[in-house]
Amino acid sequence: MLNNLRAVFFDLDGTLLDTAPDMALALNIQREVHGKEPLPFSDIRPYVSHGAAAMLRIGFGLEPGHKDFDEFRKQYLNIYADNIAVHTELFAGLKELLNTLTESDIAWGIATNKPEFLTIPLLEALNLRESCSGLVCGDTVKPTKPHPKPLFFAAQQAGVKPVQSVYVGDAWRDIAAGRAAGMKTVVAEYGYIQPEDKILEWKADAVAKESTDLIKMLLNR
């Protein structure tokens, strides 16, 4: 995909890690606290990449600006933090991809809008923190994606140029940020794509239908 590939950066939720089971678990625990029945996992999964705000919209019909939103958001994040790595795991084929990147002296990193207090414990729980060459979270730099600044910072941490890098993500803001940073971009179609998403309109360089497609797509293997 890129002849002088030096680094691959990933969005976290729905791209590198399948975090939906634990984010859905946290939402249904919160719903139980408030006397509500659990929601089907299939209703929650497509919206996980959009974070706590999306979870509260689905679970309680709350939007930012509602008088209860901040309180519910804090409660949700606390519940999720307590269940951060119950079911979460790398998507299929990505352990092999990360190992191959490392063996090939190609850096890999993460640029996510997820806050540090959730991201770092999650990566540590999955033994991924040490091998991650660049890590930019939602509160590491501002503005966040879709602005390219997080990707510029991730590339700087990894010691590579953006034009030598690929960014993989499952949301429009990921592709917008990657394109603006001058990186090649890949849509993770296997991730948390919403029914209304029109991924071809995002104008990424490639689309990975399955997570197992990435190693061939990125490394021609």
N, C-alpha and C. Protein backbone atom coordinates (compact mmCIF):
# COMPACT_ATOMS: atom_id res chain seq x y z
N MET A 1 0.82 -1.22 0.00
CA MET A 1 0.00 0.00 0.00
C MET A 1 0.86 1.26 0.00
N LEU A 2 2.00 1.17 0.70
CA LEU A 2 2.91 2.32 0.77
C LEU A 2 4.33 1.76 0.73
N ASN A 3 5.07 2.08 -0.31
CA ASN A 3 6.39 1.48 -0.51
C ASN A 3 7.38 1.81 0.60
N ASN A 4 7.29 3.03 1.13
CA ASN A 4 8.22 3.44 2.19
C ASN A 4 7.53 3.45 3.55
N LEU A 5 6.67 2.48 3.79
CA LEU A 5 5.89 2.42 5.04
C LEU A 5 6.81 2.36 6.26
N ARG A 6 6.62 3.32 7.16
CA ARG A 6 7.41 3.36 8.39
C ARG A 6 6.56 3.18 9.64
N ALA A 7 5.24 3.43 9.52
CA ALA A 7 4.39 3.31 10.72
C ALA A 7 2.94 3.08 10.31
N VAL A 8 2.24 2.35 11.17
CA VAL A 8 0.79 2.17 11.04
C VAL A 8 0.16 2.63 12.34
N PHE A 9 -0.79 3.54 12.23
CA PHE A 9 -1.50 4.03 13.40
C PHE A 9 -2.96 3.56 13.33
N PHE A 10 -3.52 3.26 14.48
CA PHE A 10 -4.86 2.73 14.56
C PHE A 10 -5.74 3.60 15.46
N ASP A 11 -6.99 3.73 15.07
CA ASP A 11 -7.99 4.13 16.04
C ASP A 11 -8.12 2.96 17.01
N LEU A 12 -8.69 3.17 18.17
CA LEU A 12 -8.73 2.10 19.17
C LEU A 12 -10.03 1.30 19.09
N ASP A 13 -11.15 1.92 19.49
CA ASP A 13 -12.43 1.21 19.55
C ASP A 13 -12.94 0.89 18.14
N GLY A 14 -13.11 -0.37 17.86
CA GLY A 14 -13.66 -0.76 16.57
C GLY A 14 -12.65 -0.87 15.46
N THR A 15 -11.38 -0.67 15.78
CA THR A 15 -10.33 -0.76 14.76
C THR A 15 -9.23 -1.70 15.23
N LEU A 16 -8.59 -1.36 16.34
CA LEU A 16 -7.57 -2.24 16.92
C LEU A 16 -8.20 -3.23 17.90
N LEU A 17 -9.04 -2.70 18.77
CA LEU A 17 -9.64 -3.53 19.82
C LEU A 17 -11.15 -3.63 19.67
N ASP A 18 -11.66 -4.80 19.93
CA ASP A 18 -13.11 -5.02 19.96
C ASP A 18 -13.59 -4.73 21.39
N THR A 19 -13.83 -3.45 21.65
CA THR A 19 -14.22 -2.99 22.98
C THR A 19 -15.73 -2.98 23.19
N ALA A 20 -16.49 -3.25 22.13
CA ALA A 20 -17.95 -3.15 22.22
C ALA A 20 -18.57 -4.01 23.33
N PRO A 21 -18.10 -5.25 23.53
CA PRO A 21 -18.73 -6.06 24.59
C PRO A 21 -18.65 -5.40 25.96
N ASP A 22 -17.51 -4.78 26.29
CA ASP A 22 -17.39 -4.16 27.61
C ASP A 22 -18.09 -2.81 27.69
N MET A 23 -18.11 -2.06 26.60
CA MET A 23 -18.84 -0.79 26.62
C MET A 23 -20.35 -1.04 26.70
N ALA A 24 -20.80 -2.10 26.03
CA ALA A 24 -22.21 -2.47 26.12
C ALA A 24 -22.54 -3.01 27.52
N LEU A 25 -21.62 -3.78 28.07
CA LEU A 25 -21.81 -4.29 29.43
C LEU A 25 -21.98 -3.15 30.41
N ALA A 26 -21.12 -2.13 30.29
CA ALA A 26 -21.20 -0.98 31.20
C ALA A 26 -22.53 -0.25 31.04
N LEU A 27 -22.99 -0.09 29.81
CA LEU A 27 -24.25 0.61 29.57
C LEU A 27 -25.42 -0.17 30.19
N ASN A 28 -25.41 -1.47 30.03
CA ASN A 28 -26.52 -2.25 30.57
C ASN A 28 -26.47 -2.35 32.09
N ILE A 29 -25.27 -2.31 32.67
CA ILE A 29 -25.18 -2.22 34.13
C ILE A 29 -25.79 -0.90 34.59
N GLN A 30 -25.46 0.18 33.88
CA GLN A 30 -26.01 1.49 34.23
C GLN A 30 -27.53 1.51 34.07
N ARG A 31 -28.02 0.91 33.00
CA ARG A 31 -29.47 0.84 32.80
C ARG A 31 -30.14 0.06 33.94
N GLU A 32 -29.50 -0.99 34.38
CA GLU A 32 -30.04 -1.78 35.50
C GLU A 32 -30.11 -0.93 36.77
N VAL A 33 -29.07 -0.13 36.99
CA VAL A 33 -29.05 0.76 38.16
C VAL A 33 -30.26 1.69 38.14
N HIS A 34 -30.65 2.09 36.95
CA HIS A 34 -31.77 3.02 36.80
C HIS A 34 -33.09 2.32 36.49
N GLY A 35 -33.14 1.02 36.75
CA GLY A 35 -34.39 0.28 36.63
C GLY A 35 -34.84 0.00 35.22
N LYS A 36 -33.88 -0.04 34.30
CA LYS A 36 -34.23 -0.30 32.90
C LYS A 36 -33.74 -1.68 32.46
N GLU A 37 -34.43 -2.25 31.49
CA GLU A 37 -34.06 -3.55 30.94
C GLU A 37 -32.80 -3.41 30.07
N PRO A 38 -31.99 -4.47 29.96
CA PRO A 38 -30.81 -4.39 29.10
C PRO A 38 -31.19 -4.25 27.63
N LEU A 39 -30.34 -3.58 26.88
CA LEU A 39 -30.52 -3.44 25.44
C LEU A 39 -29.77 -4.57 24.73
N PRO A 40 -30.27 -5.01 23.59
CA PRO A 40 -29.55 -6.02 22.82
C PRO A 40 -28.18 -5.50 22.38
N PHE A 41 -27.20 -6.36 22.41
CA PHE A 41 -25.85 -5.98 22.00
C PHE A 41 -25.83 -5.44 20.57
N SER A 42 -26.65 -6.02 19.71
CA SER A 42 -26.68 -5.60 18.31
C SER A 42 -27.14 -4.16 18.15
N ASP A 43 -27.92 -3.65 19.11
CA ASP A 43 -28.37 -2.25 19.06
C ASP A 43 -27.28 -1.29 19.49
N ILE A 44 -26.37 -1.77 20.34
CA ILE A 44 -25.33 -0.90 20.91
C ILE A 44 -24.08 -0.87 20.04
N ARG A 45 -23.67 -2.00 19.50
CA ARG A 45 -22.38 -2.15 18.84
C ARG A 45 -22.06 -1.09 17.79
N PRO A 46 -22.98 -0.75 16.88
CA PRO A 46 -22.60 0.19 15.81
C PRO A 46 -22.18 1.57 16.30
N TYR A 47 -22.49 1.91 17.55
CA TYR A 47 -22.28 3.29 18.01
C TYR A 47 -21.13 3.43 19.01
N VAL A 48 -20.45 2.32 19.26
CA VAL A 48 -19.40 2.33 20.29
C VAL A 48 -18.27 3.30 19.96
N SER A 49 -17.90 3.43 18.69
CA SER A 49 -16.78 4.31 18.32
C SER A 49 -17.04 5.77 18.67
N HIS A 50 -18.28 6.11 18.96
CA HIS A 50 -18.62 7.50 19.26
C HIS A 50 -18.69 7.78 20.76
N GLY A 51 -18.19 6.82 21.56
CA GLY A 51 -17.93 7.07 22.96
C GLY A 51 -19.13 7.16 23.87
N ALA A 52 -18.88 7.75 25.06
CA ALA A 52 -19.90 7.80 26.10
C ALA A 52 -21.14 8.57 25.67
N ALA A 53 -20.94 9.63 24.90
CA ALA A 53 -22.10 10.43 24.46
C ALA A 53 -23.07 9.57 23.66
N ALA A 54 -22.52 8.73 22.78
CA ALA A 54 -23.38 7.84 21.99
C ALA A 54 -24.05 6.79 22.87
N MET A 55 -23.33 6.30 23.86
CA MET A 55 -23.91 5.31 24.76
C MET A 55 -25.09 5.89 25.54
N LEU A 56 -24.94 7.12 25.98
CA LEU A 56 -26.03 7.76 26.74
C LEU A 56 -27.21 8.10 25.84
N ARG A 57 -26.93 8.41 24.59
CA ARG A 57 -28.01 8.68 23.64
C ARG A 57 -28.84 7.41 23.42
N ILE A 58 -28.15 6.28 23.24
CA ILE A 58 -28.83 5.01 23.01
C ILE A 58 -29.52 4.51 24.28
N GLY A 59 -28.79 4.61 25.39
CA GLY A 59 -29.28 4.02 26.63
C GLY A 59 -30.33 4.82 27.36
N PHE A 60 -30.26 6.15 27.23
CA PHE A 60 -31.15 6.99 28.04
C PHE A 60 -31.77 8.15 27.27
N GLY A 61 -31.47 8.29 26.00
CA GLY A 61 -32.00 9.39 25.23
C GLY A 61 -31.45 10.74 25.66
N LEU A 62 -30.24 10.74 26.25
CA LEU A 62 -29.64 11.98 26.74
C LEU A 62 -28.66 12.54 25.72
N GLU A 63 -28.67 13.84 25.56
CA GLU A 63 -27.75 14.54 24.69
C GLU A 63 -26.92 15.53 25.51
N PRO A 64 -25.72 15.87 25.06
CA PRO A 64 -24.94 16.91 25.75
C PRO A 64 -25.79 18.18 25.89
N GLY A 65 -25.74 18.77 27.06
CA GLY A 65 -26.56 19.95 27.33
C GLY A 65 -27.77 19.62 28.18
N HIS A 66 -28.19 18.35 28.20
CA HIS A 66 -29.28 17.95 29.09
C HIS A 66 -28.81 18.07 30.53
N LYS A 67 -29.71 18.42 31.43
CA LYS A 67 -29.33 18.69 32.82
C LYS A 67 -28.73 17.46 33.51
N ASP A 68 -29.07 16.26 33.05
CA ASP A 68 -28.56 15.04 33.67
C ASP A 68 -27.36 14.44 32.93
N PHE A 69 -26.99 15.04 31.80
CA PHE A 69 -25.98 14.40 30.94
C PHE A 69 -24.65 14.22 31.66
N ASP A 70 -24.13 15.26 32.28
CA ASP A 70 -22.80 15.17 32.90
C ASP A 70 -22.77 14.13 34.02
N GLU A 71 -23.83 14.09 34.81
CA GLU A 71 -23.90 13.12 35.91
C GLU A 71 -23.94 11.69 35.37
N PHE A 72 -24.75 11.47 34.33
CA PHE A 72 -24.86 10.14 33.74
C PHE A 72 -23.55 9.74 33.04
N ARG A 73 -22.92 10.71 32.40
CA ARG A 73 -21.65 10.42 31.73
C ARG A 73 -20.60 9.99 32.73
N LYS A 74 -20.49 10.69 33.83
CA LYS A 74 -19.51 10.32 34.86
C LYS A 74 -19.81 8.94 35.41
N GLN A 75 -21.09 8.66 35.65
CA GLN A 75 -21.47 7.34 36.16
C GLN A 75 -21.11 6.25 35.15
N TYR A 76 -21.42 6.48 33.86
CA TYR A 76 -21.12 5.49 32.83
C TYR A 76 -19.62 5.22 32.77
N LEU A 77 -18.82 6.29 32.74
CA LEU A 77 -17.37 6.11 32.61
C LEU A 77 -16.79 5.37 33.82
N ASN A 78 -17.31 5.62 35.00
CA ASN A 78 -16.84 4.91 36.19
C ASN A 78 -17.17 3.42 36.12
N ILE A 79 -18.38 3.11 35.66
CA ILE A 79 -18.77 1.71 35.50
C ILE A 79 -17.89 1.04 34.45
N TYR A 80 -17.67 1.74 33.33
CA TYR A 80 -16.84 1.17 32.27
C TYR A 80 -15.41 0.96 32.75
N ALA A 81 -14.87 1.92 33.50
CA ALA A 81 -13.50 1.79 34.02
C ALA A 81 -13.35 0.55 34.90
N ASP A 82 -14.41 0.21 35.61
CA ASP A 82 -14.39 -0.97 36.48
C ASP A 82 -14.52 -2.27 35.70
N ASN A 83 -14.88 -2.17 34.41
CA ASN A 83 -15.08 -3.35 33.56
C ASN A 83 -14.31 -3.19 32.25
N ILE A 84 -13.11 -2.62 32.34
CA ILE A 84 -12.40 -2.15 31.16
C ILE A 84 -11.90 -3.27 30.25
N ALA A 85 -11.61 -4.42 30.82
CA ALA A 85 -11.01 -5.50 30.00
C ALA A 85 -11.60 -6.86 30.38
N VAL A 86 -12.91 -6.91 30.51
CA VAL A 86 -13.58 -8.17 30.83
C VAL A 86 -13.64 -9.05 29.58
N HIS A 87 -14.11 -8.47 28.49
CA HIS A 87 -14.27 -9.22 27.24
C HIS A 87 -13.47 -8.63 26.07
N THR A 88 -12.89 -7.46 26.26
CA THR A 88 -12.19 -6.77 25.18
C THR A 88 -10.97 -7.56 24.71
N GLU A 89 -10.76 -7.59 23.39
CA GLU A 89 -9.59 -8.27 22.82
C GLU A 89 -9.27 -7.66 21.47
N LEU A 90 -8.08 -7.97 20.98
CA LEU A 90 -7.69 -7.56 19.63
C LEU A 90 -8.62 -8.22 18.61
N PHE A 91 -8.91 -7.50 17.55
CA PHE A 91 -9.66 -8.11 16.46
C PHE A 91 -8.82 -9.23 15.84
N ALA A 92 -9.49 -10.16 15.21
CA ALA A 92 -8.82 -11.32 14.59
C ALA A 92 -7.72 -10.87 13.64
N GLY A 93 -6.56 -11.50 13.76
CA GLY A 93 -5.45 -11.22 12.86
C GLY A 93 -4.57 -10.06 13.27
N LEU A 94 -5.02 -9.27 14.25
CA LEU A 94 -4.25 -8.06 14.56
C LEU A 94 -3.05 -8.33 15.47
N LYS A 95 -3.11 -9.39 16.26
CA LYS A 95 -1.91 -9.76 17.04
C LYS A 95 -0.79 -10.13 16.08
N GLU A 96 -1.12 -10.92 15.07
CA GLU A 96 -0.13 -11.29 14.06
C GLU A 96 0.37 -10.05 13.32
N LEU A 97 -0.53 -9.13 12.99
CA LEU A 97 -0.13 -7.91 12.29
C LEU A 97 0.84 -7.09 13.14
N LEU A 98 0.52 -6.87 14.41
CA LEU A 98 1.39 -6.08 15.28
C LEU A 98 2.76 -6.73 15.42
N ASN A 99 2.77 -8.06 15.58
CA ASN A 99 4.05 -8.77 15.69
C ASN A 99 4.87 -8.63 14.41
N THR A 100 4.19 -8.72 13.26
CA THR A 100 4.88 -8.62 11.98
C THR A 100 5.41 -7.21 11.76
N LEU A 101 4.65 -6.21 12.15
CA LEU A 101 5.13 -4.83 12.04
C LEU A 101 6.39 -4.64 12.87
N THR A 102 6.37 -5.14 14.09
CA THR A 102 7.53 -5.00 14.98
C THR A 102 8.74 -5.72 14.41
N GLU A 103 8.53 -6.93 13.91
CA GLU A 103 9.63 -7.71 13.32
C GLU A 103 10.19 -7.05 12.07
N SER A 104 9.34 -6.28 11.39
CA SER A 104 9.75 -5.61 10.15
C SER A 104 10.30 -4.21 10.40
N ASP A 105 10.46 -3.85 11.68
CA ASP A 105 10.96 -2.52 12.07
C ASP A 105 10.04 -1.41 11.57
N ILE A 106 8.74 -1.69 11.60
CA ILE A 106 7.72 -0.70 11.28
C ILE A 106 6.98 -0.37 12.57
N ALA A 107 6.96 0.88 12.92
CA ALA A 107 6.33 1.29 14.18
C ALA A 107 4.81 1.15 14.08
N TRP A 108 4.18 0.95 15.23
CA TRP A 108 2.72 1.02 15.26
C TRP A 108 2.31 1.84 16.48
N GLY A 109 1.17 2.51 16.31
CA GLY A 109 0.70 3.36 17.40
C GLY A 109 -0.81 3.53 17.36
N ILE A 110 -1.29 4.34 18.27
CA ILE A 110 -2.72 4.53 18.45
C ILE A 110 -3.03 6.02 18.53
N ALA A 111 -4.06 6.44 17.81
CA ALA A 111 -4.60 7.79 17.95
C ALA A 111 -6.10 7.63 18.18
N THR A 112 -6.54 7.90 19.38
CA THR A 112 -7.92 7.67 19.77
C THR A 112 -8.48 8.89 20.48
N ASN A 113 -9.79 9.05 20.43
CA ASN A 113 -10.44 10.11 21.20
C ASN A 113 -10.82 9.62 22.60
N LYS A 114 -10.53 8.36 22.91
CA LYS A 114 -10.78 7.81 24.23
C LYS A 114 -9.82 8.47 25.23
N PRO A 115 -10.27 8.86 26.41
CA PRO A 115 -9.38 9.54 27.36
C PRO A 115 -8.28 8.63 27.91
N GLU A 116 -7.22 9.25 28.38
CA GLU A 116 -6.07 8.50 28.88
C GLU A 116 -6.43 7.59 30.05
N PHE A 117 -7.30 8.03 30.94
CA PHE A 117 -7.57 7.24 32.14
C PHE A 117 -8.28 5.93 31.83
N LEU A 118 -8.83 5.81 30.61
CA LEU A 118 -9.40 4.55 30.16
C LEU A 118 -8.45 3.81 29.22
N THR A 119 -7.79 4.55 28.35
CA THR A 119 -6.94 3.92 27.33
C THR A 119 -5.73 3.23 27.92
N ILE A 120 -5.00 3.90 28.79
CA ILE A 120 -3.75 3.33 29.30
C ILE A 120 -3.99 2.07 30.13
N PRO A 121 -4.94 2.05 31.08
CA PRO A 121 -5.19 0.80 31.80
C PRO A 121 -5.64 -0.33 30.88
N LEU A 122 -6.40 0.00 29.83
CA LEU A 122 -6.85 -1.03 28.89
C LEU A 122 -5.67 -1.63 28.15
N LEU A 123 -4.78 -0.79 27.64
CA LEU A 123 -3.61 -1.30 26.92
C LEU A 123 -2.70 -2.09 27.85
N GLU A 124 -2.56 -1.65 29.08
CA GLU A 124 -1.73 -2.38 30.04
C GLU A 124 -2.34 -3.74 30.36
N ALA A 125 -3.67 -3.79 30.48
CA ALA A 125 -4.34 -5.05 30.78
C ALA A 125 -4.14 -6.07 29.66
N LEU A 126 -4.00 -5.57 28.42
CA LEU A 126 -3.84 -6.45 27.26
C LEU A 126 -2.37 -6.58 26.83
N ASN A 127 -1.47 -6.04 27.64
CA ASN A 127 -0.03 -6.12 27.38
C ASN A 127 0.36 -5.50 26.03
N LEU A 128 -0.24 -4.37 25.74
CA LEU A 128 0.04 -3.68 24.48
C LEU A 128 0.78 -2.35 24.67
N ARG A 129 0.82 -1.86 25.88
CA ARG A 129 1.35 -0.51 26.09
C ARG A 129 2.83 -0.41 25.73
N GLU A 130 3.61 -1.40 26.10
CA GLU A 130 5.06 -1.30 25.94
C GLU A 130 5.49 -1.28 24.49
N SER A 131 4.79 -2.01 23.62
CA SER A 131 5.20 -2.09 22.22
C SER A 131 4.59 -1.00 21.35
N CYS A 132 3.76 -0.16 21.94
CA CYS A 132 3.10 0.92 21.21
C CYS A 132 4.05 2.11 21.09
N SER A 133 4.43 2.46 19.87
CA SER A 133 5.44 3.51 19.66
C SER A 133 4.89 4.92 19.78
N GLY A 134 3.60 5.09 19.53
CA GLY A 134 2.99 6.41 19.65
C GLY A 134 1.59 6.25 20.19
N LEU A 135 1.26 7.00 21.23
CA LEU A 135 -0.07 6.90 21.84
C LEU A 135 -0.61 8.31 22.07
N VAL A 136 -1.70 8.61 21.39
CA VAL A 136 -2.36 9.90 21.55
C VAL A 136 -3.82 9.64 21.89
N CYS A 137 -4.24 10.15 23.04
CA CYS A 137 -5.61 9.94 23.53
C CYS A 137 -6.42 11.23 23.35
N GLY A 138 -7.69 11.15 23.73
CA GLY A 138 -8.57 12.28 23.53
C GLY A 138 -8.22 13.50 24.34
N ASP A 139 -7.44 13.31 25.41
CA ASP A 139 -7.03 14.45 26.23
C ASP A 139 -5.51 14.65 26.22
N THR A 140 -4.83 14.04 25.25
CA THR A 140 -3.38 14.25 25.12
C THR A 140 -3.08 15.58 24.45
N VAL A 141 -3.76 15.84 23.33
CA VAL A 141 -3.61 17.11 22.62
C VAL A 141 -5.00 17.58 22.18
N LYS A 142 -5.09 18.85 21.96
CA LYS A 142 -6.33 19.44 21.43
C LYS A 142 -5.99 20.26 20.19
N PRO A 143 -6.88 20.35 19.21
CA PRO A 143 -8.17 19.67 19.14
C PRO A 143 -8.02 18.19 18.80
N THR A 144 -9.07 17.43 19.02
CA THR A 144 -9.06 16.00 18.74
C THR A 144 -9.49 15.74 17.30
N LYS A 145 -9.45 14.48 16.90
CA LYS A 145 -9.97 14.11 15.58
C LYS A 145 -11.41 14.59 15.44
N PRO A 146 -11.77 15.13 14.28
CA PRO A 146 -11.17 14.97 12.95
C PRO A 146 -10.00 15.91 12.62
N HIS A 147 -9.56 16.73 13.58
CA HIS A 147 -8.39 17.56 13.34
C HIS A 147 -7.17 16.65 13.20
N PRO A 148 -6.21 16.98 12.34
CA PRO A 148 -5.05 16.12 12.16
C PRO A 148 -4.00 16.19 13.27
N LYS A 149 -4.14 17.13 14.19
CA LYS A 149 -3.08 17.32 15.20
C LYS A 149 -2.73 16.04 15.96
N PRO A 150 -3.71 15.21 16.39
CA PRO A 150 -3.35 13.98 17.09
C PRO A 150 -2.47 13.05 16.25
N LEU A 151 -2.70 13.03 14.94
CA LEU A 151 -1.90 12.16 14.08
C LEU A 151 -0.50 12.72 13.85
N PHE A 152 -0.39 14.04 13.75
CA PHE A 152 0.93 14.66 13.68
C PHE A 152 1.74 14.31 14.94
N PHE A 153 1.07 14.38 16.10
CA PHE A 153 1.76 14.11 17.36
C PHE A 153 2.14 12.64 17.48
N ALA A 154 1.25 11.74 17.03
CA ALA A 154 1.55 10.31 17.06
C ALA A 154 2.77 10.00 16.19
N ALA A 155 2.81 10.60 14.99
CA ALA A 155 3.95 10.38 14.10
C ALA A 155 5.24 10.92 14.72
N GLN A 156 5.15 12.07 15.36
CA GLN A 156 6.32 12.64 16.03
C GLN A 156 6.82 11.71 17.12
N GLN A 157 5.92 11.16 17.91
CA GLN A 157 6.31 10.23 18.98
C GLN A 157 7.02 9.00 18.40
N ALA A 158 6.52 8.52 17.27
CA ALA A 158 7.07 7.32 16.67
C ALA A 158 8.33 7.60 15.85
N GLY A 159 8.64 8.86 15.64
CA GLY A 159 9.84 9.24 14.89
C GLY A 159 9.71 9.00 13.40
N VAL A 160 8.49 9.20 12.88
CA VAL A 160 8.26 9.00 11.45
C VAL A 160 7.57 10.23 10.87
N LYS A 161 7.56 10.30 9.54
CA LYS A 161 6.82 11.36 8.87
C LYS A 161 5.41 10.89 8.56
N PRO A 162 4.42 11.77 8.63
CA PRO A 162 3.06 11.36 8.30
C PRO A 162 2.94 10.71 6.92
N VAL A 163 3.69 11.20 5.94
CA VAL A 163 3.59 10.65 4.58
C VAL A 163 4.17 9.24 4.48
N GLN A 164 4.84 8.80 5.53
CA GLN A 164 5.37 7.43 5.58
C GLN A 164 4.44 6.51 6.38
N SER A 165 3.24 7.00 6.67
CA SER A 165 2.37 6.31 7.62
C SER A 165 1.00 6.02 7.04
N VAL A 166 0.33 5.03 7.64
CA VAL A 166 -1.04 4.68 7.32
C VAL A 166 -1.87 4.81 8.59
N TYR A 167 -3.08 5.33 8.45
CA TYR A 167 -3.99 5.40 9.59
C TYR A 167 -5.24 4.58 9.28
N VAL A 168 -5.60 3.72 10.22
CA VAL A 168 -6.75 2.83 10.06
C VAL A 168 -7.81 3.22 11.08
N GLY A 169 -9.05 3.42 10.62
CA GLY A 169 -10.12 3.80 11.54
C GLY A 169 -11.49 3.40 11.02
N ASP A 170 -12.47 3.43 11.91
CA ASP A 170 -13.82 2.98 11.55
C ASP A 170 -14.86 4.08 11.63
N ALA A 171 -14.41 5.34 11.66
CA ALA A 171 -15.35 6.47 11.72
C ALA A 171 -14.89 7.54 10.74
N TRP A 172 -15.83 8.35 10.29
CA TRP A 172 -15.51 9.39 9.31
C TRP A 172 -14.42 10.32 9.82
N ARG A 173 -14.44 10.62 11.12
CA ARG A 173 -13.45 11.56 11.66
C ARG A 173 -12.04 10.97 11.60
N ASP A 174 -11.92 9.64 11.66
CA ASP A 174 -10.61 9.01 11.54
C ASP A 174 -10.03 9.24 10.15
N ILE A 175 -10.85 9.00 9.15
CA ILE A 175 -10.39 9.14 7.78
C ILE A 175 -10.12 10.62 7.46
N ALA A 176 -10.98 11.50 7.96
CA ALA A 176 -10.77 12.94 7.75
C ALA A 176 -9.45 13.38 8.37
N ALA A 177 -9.17 12.93 9.58
CA ALA A 177 -7.93 13.30 10.27
C ALA A 177 -6.72 12.74 9.53
N GLY A 178 -6.80 11.48 9.12
CA GLY A 178 -5.68 10.86 8.42
C GLY A 178 -5.38 11.55 7.10
N ARG A 179 -6.41 11.85 6.34
CA ARG A 179 -6.22 12.53 5.06
C ARG A 179 -5.62 13.92 5.26
N ALA A 180 -6.13 14.63 6.27
CA ALA A 180 -5.62 15.98 6.54
C ALA A 180 -4.17 15.96 7.00
N ALA A 181 -3.76 14.85 7.63
CA ALA A 181 -2.37 14.73 8.09
C ALA A 181 -1.43 14.28 6.99
N GLY A 182 -1.98 13.90 5.84
CA GLY A 182 -1.15 13.44 4.74
C GLY A 182 -0.82 11.97 4.79
N MET A 183 -1.54 11.22 5.61
CA MET A 183 -1.33 9.77 5.71
C MET A 183 -2.24 9.04 4.72
N LYS A 184 -1.84 7.82 4.33
CA LYS A 184 -2.75 6.94 3.65
C LYS A 184 -3.79 6.47 4.67
N THR A 185 -5.01 6.23 4.22
CA THR A 185 -6.08 5.88 5.16
C THR A 185 -6.80 4.60 4.74
N VAL A 186 -7.23 3.86 5.76
CA VAL A 186 -7.97 2.62 5.55
C VAL A 186 -9.20 2.63 6.45
N VAL A 187 -10.36 2.35 5.87
CA VAL A 187 -11.59 2.20 6.66
C VAL A 187 -11.66 0.78 7.19
N ALA A 188 -11.84 0.65 8.49
CA ALA A 188 -12.05 -0.66 9.11
C ALA A 188 -13.55 -0.98 9.04
N GLU A 189 -13.96 -1.56 7.92
CA GLU A 189 -15.38 -1.85 7.73
C GLU A 189 -15.87 -2.90 8.72
N TYR A 190 -14.96 -3.69 9.26
CA TYR A 190 -15.30 -4.71 10.25
C TYR A 190 -15.64 -4.10 11.61
N GLY A 191 -15.37 -2.81 11.75
CA GLY A 191 -15.56 -2.13 13.04
C GLY A 191 -16.98 -1.71 13.28
N TYR A 192 -17.13 -0.62 14.02
CA TYR A 192 -18.45 -0.19 14.49
C TYR A 192 -19.06 0.82 13.52
N ILE A 193 -19.37 0.33 12.34
CA ILE A 193 -19.96 1.15 11.30
C ILE A 193 -21.45 1.29 11.55
N GLN A 194 -21.94 2.52 11.54
CA GLN A 194 -23.36 2.76 11.76
C GLN A 194 -24.15 2.49 10.47
N PRO A 195 -25.43 2.13 10.62
CA PRO A 195 -26.25 1.84 9.44
C PRO A 195 -26.29 2.98 8.43
N GLU A 196 -26.23 4.20 8.94
CA GLU A 196 -26.33 5.37 8.05
C GLU A 196 -24.98 5.80 7.46
N ASP A 197 -23.89 5.15 7.87
CA ASP A 197 -22.57 5.53 7.37
C ASP A 197 -22.43 5.21 5.88
N LYS A 198 -21.88 6.14 5.14
CA LYS A 198 -21.60 5.94 3.71
C LYS A 198 -20.09 6.00 3.54
N ILE A 199 -19.46 4.87 3.78
CA ILE A 199 -18.00 4.86 3.92
C ILE A 199 -17.28 5.25 2.63
N LEU A 200 -17.87 5.01 1.48
CA LEU A 200 -17.20 5.38 0.24
C LEU A 200 -17.08 6.90 0.10
N GLU A 201 -18.00 7.61 0.75
CA GLU A 201 -17.94 9.08 0.70
C GLU A 201 -16.82 9.64 1.58
N TRP A 202 -16.24 8.82 2.42
CA TRP A 202 -15.14 9.28 3.26
C TRP A 202 -13.84 9.42 2.46
N LYS A 203 -13.78 8.78 1.28
CA LYS A 203 -12.65 8.90 0.36
C LYS A 203 -11.34 8.39 0.95
N ALA A 204 -11.42 7.26 1.64
CA ALA A 204 -10.21 6.60 2.13
C ALA A 204 -9.47 5.96 0.96
N ASP A 205 -8.21 5.61 1.19
CA ASP A 205 -7.42 4.96 0.14
C ASP A 205 -7.80 3.49 -0.03
N ALA A 206 -8.34 2.88 1.03
CA ALA A 206 -8.71 1.47 0.94
C ALA A 206 -9.75 1.16 2.01
N VAL A 207 -10.41 0.02 1.85
CA VAL A 207 -11.41 -0.45 2.82
C VAL A 207 -11.06 -1.88 3.20
N ALA A 208 -10.93 -2.15 4.49
CA ALA A 208 -10.68 -3.50 4.99
C ALA A 208 -12.01 -4.08 5.45
N LYS A 209 -12.53 -5.01 4.67
CA LYS A 209 -13.82 -5.60 5.01
C LYS A 209 -13.71 -6.44 6.28
N GLU A 210 -12.62 -7.18 6.40
CA GLU A 210 -12.34 -7.99 7.57
C GLU A 210 -11.02 -7.56 8.20
N SER A 211 -10.89 -7.72 9.49
CA SER A 211 -9.65 -7.34 10.16
C SER A 211 -8.47 -8.18 9.65
N THR A 212 -8.75 -9.41 9.24
CA THR A 212 -7.70 -10.27 8.74
C THR A 212 -7.17 -9.82 7.37
N ASP A 213 -7.86 -8.88 6.73
CA ASP A 213 -7.40 -8.34 5.44
C ASP A 213 -6.23 -7.38 5.61
N LEU A 214 -6.05 -6.85 6.82
CA LEU A 214 -5.10 -5.74 6.99
C LEU A 214 -3.65 -6.14 6.74
N ILE A 215 -3.27 -7.34 7.16
CA ILE A 215 -1.85 -7.70 7.02
C ILE A 215 -1.46 -7.77 5.54
N LYS A 216 -2.32 -8.31 4.71
CA LYS A 216 -2.04 -8.35 3.28
C LYS A 216 -2.12 -6.96 2.67
N MET A 217 -3.11 -6.19 3.10
CA MET A 217 -3.32 -4.85 2.54
C MET A 217 -2.13 -3.93 2.86
N LEU A 218 -1.63 -4.01 4.07
CA LEU A 218 -0.58 -3.11 4.50
C LEU A 218 0.83 -3.58 4.13
N LEU A 219 1.02 -4.91 4.17
CA LEU A 219 2.36 -5.45 4.00
C LEU A 219 2.54 -6.35 2.79
N ASN A 220 1.46 -6.49 2.01
CA ASN A 220 1.51 -7.34 0.81
C ASN A 220 1.92 -8.77 1.15
N ARG A 221 1.34 -9.28 2.26
CA ARG A 221 1.67 -10.64 2.69
C ARG A 221 0.41 -11.47 2.87
